[in-house]
Amino acid sequence: MTAFDELERGDIVWGTDPLSDIGCPMLVLGTPRFPNHGVKLITVLISTKAYHEESLTLRDDDYEGDPLGERSHVLPWSLATLNSAVEVELHMTSLIEERTEYVATQSIVYISS
């Protein structure tokens, strides 16, 4: 397993979902390091359901590693900050930089409107 402080932008992890007890896949968009609080993971949630017309479908060629098992959709409005290794169960795969950048841009557009 990848250590919490070694996770990078574009990694997909199984993390603690703030709205659920079971967790979900999350795409890491940022990994800021704070002097008194250490690394934080800024993430967006991923779902197998397209809840909204602005969800972003992941295609097989979006992955740097193996694709997730089912067709998945990034929810750019569902941001979550993970604060410690306790909140990350495992590293699943990664997205290519271009797709990660697109997701980050769409998240900014979504929350800025």
Protein backbone atom coordinates (compact mmCIF):
# COMPACT_ATOMS: atom_id res chain seq x y z
CA MET A 1 0.00 0.00 0.00
CA THR A 2 1.13 3.54 -0.76
CA ALA A 3 1.80 5.60 2.36
CA PHE A 4 -0.60 8.51 2.98
CA ASP A 5 2.10 11.15 2.57
CA GLU A 6 3.29 9.54 -0.69
CA LEU A 7 -0.08 9.81 -2.45
CA GLU A 8 -0.10 12.22 -5.38
CA ARG A 9 -2.44 14.22 -7.56
CA GLY A 10 -4.20 11.80 -9.89
CA ASP A 11 -4.21 8.85 -7.49
CA ILE A 12 -7.51 7.12 -6.83
CA VAL A 13 -7.93 5.83 -3.29
CA TRP A 14 -10.67 4.10 -1.34
CA GLY A 15 -11.38 6.66 1.34
CA THR A 16 -13.77 7.64 4.08
CA ASP A 17 -16.86 9.16 2.49
CA PRO A 18 -18.21 11.93 4.72
CA LEU A 19 -21.77 10.95 3.73
CA SER A 20 -21.48 7.18 4.11
CA ASP A 21 -20.16 4.55 6.50
CA ILE A 22 -18.78 2.33 3.75
CA GLY A 23 -16.41 4.70 1.94
CA CYS A 24 -15.93 5.20 -1.78
CA PRO A 25 -13.31 5.78 -4.45
CA MET A 26 -11.87 9.30 -4.46
CA LEU A 27 -9.62 11.10 -6.91
CA VAL A 28 -6.80 13.10 -5.31
CA LEU A 29 -6.68 16.62 -6.79
CA GLY A 30 -4.18 18.12 -4.36
CA THR A 31 -1.80 17.18 -1.57
CA PRO A 32 -0.99 20.37 0.35
CA ARG A 33 1.39 20.05 3.29
CA PHE A 34 0.78 22.30 6.29
CA PRO A 35 3.51 23.04 8.86
CA ASN A 36 1.40 22.14 11.91
CA HIS A 37 -1.01 19.63 10.39
CA GLY A 38 0.96 17.64 7.79
CA VAL A 39 -0.41 16.41 4.49
CA LYS A 40 -4.08 16.78 3.56
CA LEU A 41 -5.64 15.13 0.52
CA ILE A 42 -8.08 17.28 -1.42
CA THR A 43 -10.32 14.81 -3.25
CA VAL A 44 -13.47 14.48 -5.34
CA LEU A 45 -15.77 11.51 -4.99
CA ILE A 46 -16.22 8.88 -7.69
CA SER A 47 -19.44 6.92 -8.23
CA THR A 48 -20.73 4.21 -10.53
CA LYS A 49 -23.92 6.25 -10.91
CA ALA A 50 -24.18 9.42 -12.99
CA TYR A 51 -26.23 11.49 -10.58
CA HIS A 52 -26.02 14.67 -12.57
CA GLU A 53 -25.41 15.82 -16.12
CA GLU A 54 -22.18 17.46 -14.92
CA SER A 55 -20.64 14.22 -13.64
CA LEU A 56 -17.50 13.31 -15.58
CA THR A 57 -17.39 9.80 -17.02
CA LEU A 58 -14.05 8.03 -16.78
CA ARG A 59 -13.01 6.15 -19.91
CA ASP A 60 -10.52 3.26 -19.92
CA ASP A 61 -7.85 5.46 -21.55
CA ASP A 62 -8.17 8.02 -18.70
CA TYR A 63 -6.32 5.64 -16.37
CA GLU A 64 -2.59 5.46 -15.90
CA GLY A 65 -3.04 2.07 -14.23
CA ASP A 66 -5.82 -0.47 -14.41
CA PRO A 67 -9.33 0.99 -14.80
CA LEU A 68 -11.82 0.70 -11.96
CA GLY A 69 -14.04 -2.38 -12.33
CA GLU A 70 -17.24 -0.58 -13.37
CA ARG A 71 -17.90 2.50 -15.48
CA SER A 72 -17.26 5.33 -13.05
CA HIS A 73 -18.11 9.02 -12.85
CA VAL A 74 -16.28 11.79 -11.03
CA LEU A 75 -18.61 14.09 -9.08
CA PRO A 76 -16.83 17.48 -9.35
CA TRP A 77 -19.14 19.07 -6.78
CA SER A 78 -18.36 16.45 -4.10
CA LEU A 79 -15.12 17.64 -2.58
CA ALA A 80 -13.71 15.99 0.54
CA THR A 81 -10.52 16.56 2.50
CA LEU A 82 -8.84 13.50 3.96
CA ASN A 83 -6.72 14.36 6.98
CA SER A 84 -4.85 11.18 7.87
CA ALA A 85 -3.95 7.65 6.85
CA VAL A 86 -6.91 6.37 8.91
CA GLU A 87 -9.22 7.82 6.24
CA VAL A 88 -7.56 5.97 3.33
CA GLU A 89 -8.07 2.23 3.09
CA LEU A 90 -6.12 1.57 -0.12
CA HIS A 91 -4.62 2.98 -3.30
CA MET A 92 -6.67 1.70 -6.24
CA THR A 93 -5.18 3.19 -9.44
CA SER A 94 -4.33 6.55 -11.00
CA LEU A 95 -5.57 8.84 -13.76
CA ILE A 96 -3.39 10.38 -16.45
CA GLU A 97 -2.39 13.98 -15.78
CA GLU A 98 -4.54 15.43 -18.59
CA ARG A 99 -7.73 13.88 -17.22
CA THR A 100 -6.85 14.86 -13.64
CA GLU A 101 -6.30 18.46 -14.78
CA TYR A 102 -9.65 18.43 -16.61
CA VAL A 103 -11.43 17.18 -13.47
CA ALA A 104 -9.73 19.88 -11.35
CA THR A 105 -10.74 22.58 -13.83
CA GLN A 106 -14.34 21.33 -13.94
CA SER A 107 -14.49 21.27 -10.14
CA ILE A 108 -13.34 24.90 -10.02
CA VAL A 109 -15.88 25.86 -12.70
CA TYR A 110 -18.64 24.03 -10.85
CA ILE A 111 -17.99 25.62 -7.45
CA SER A 112 -17.32 29.07 -8.96
CA SER A 113 -20.70 29.37 -10.69
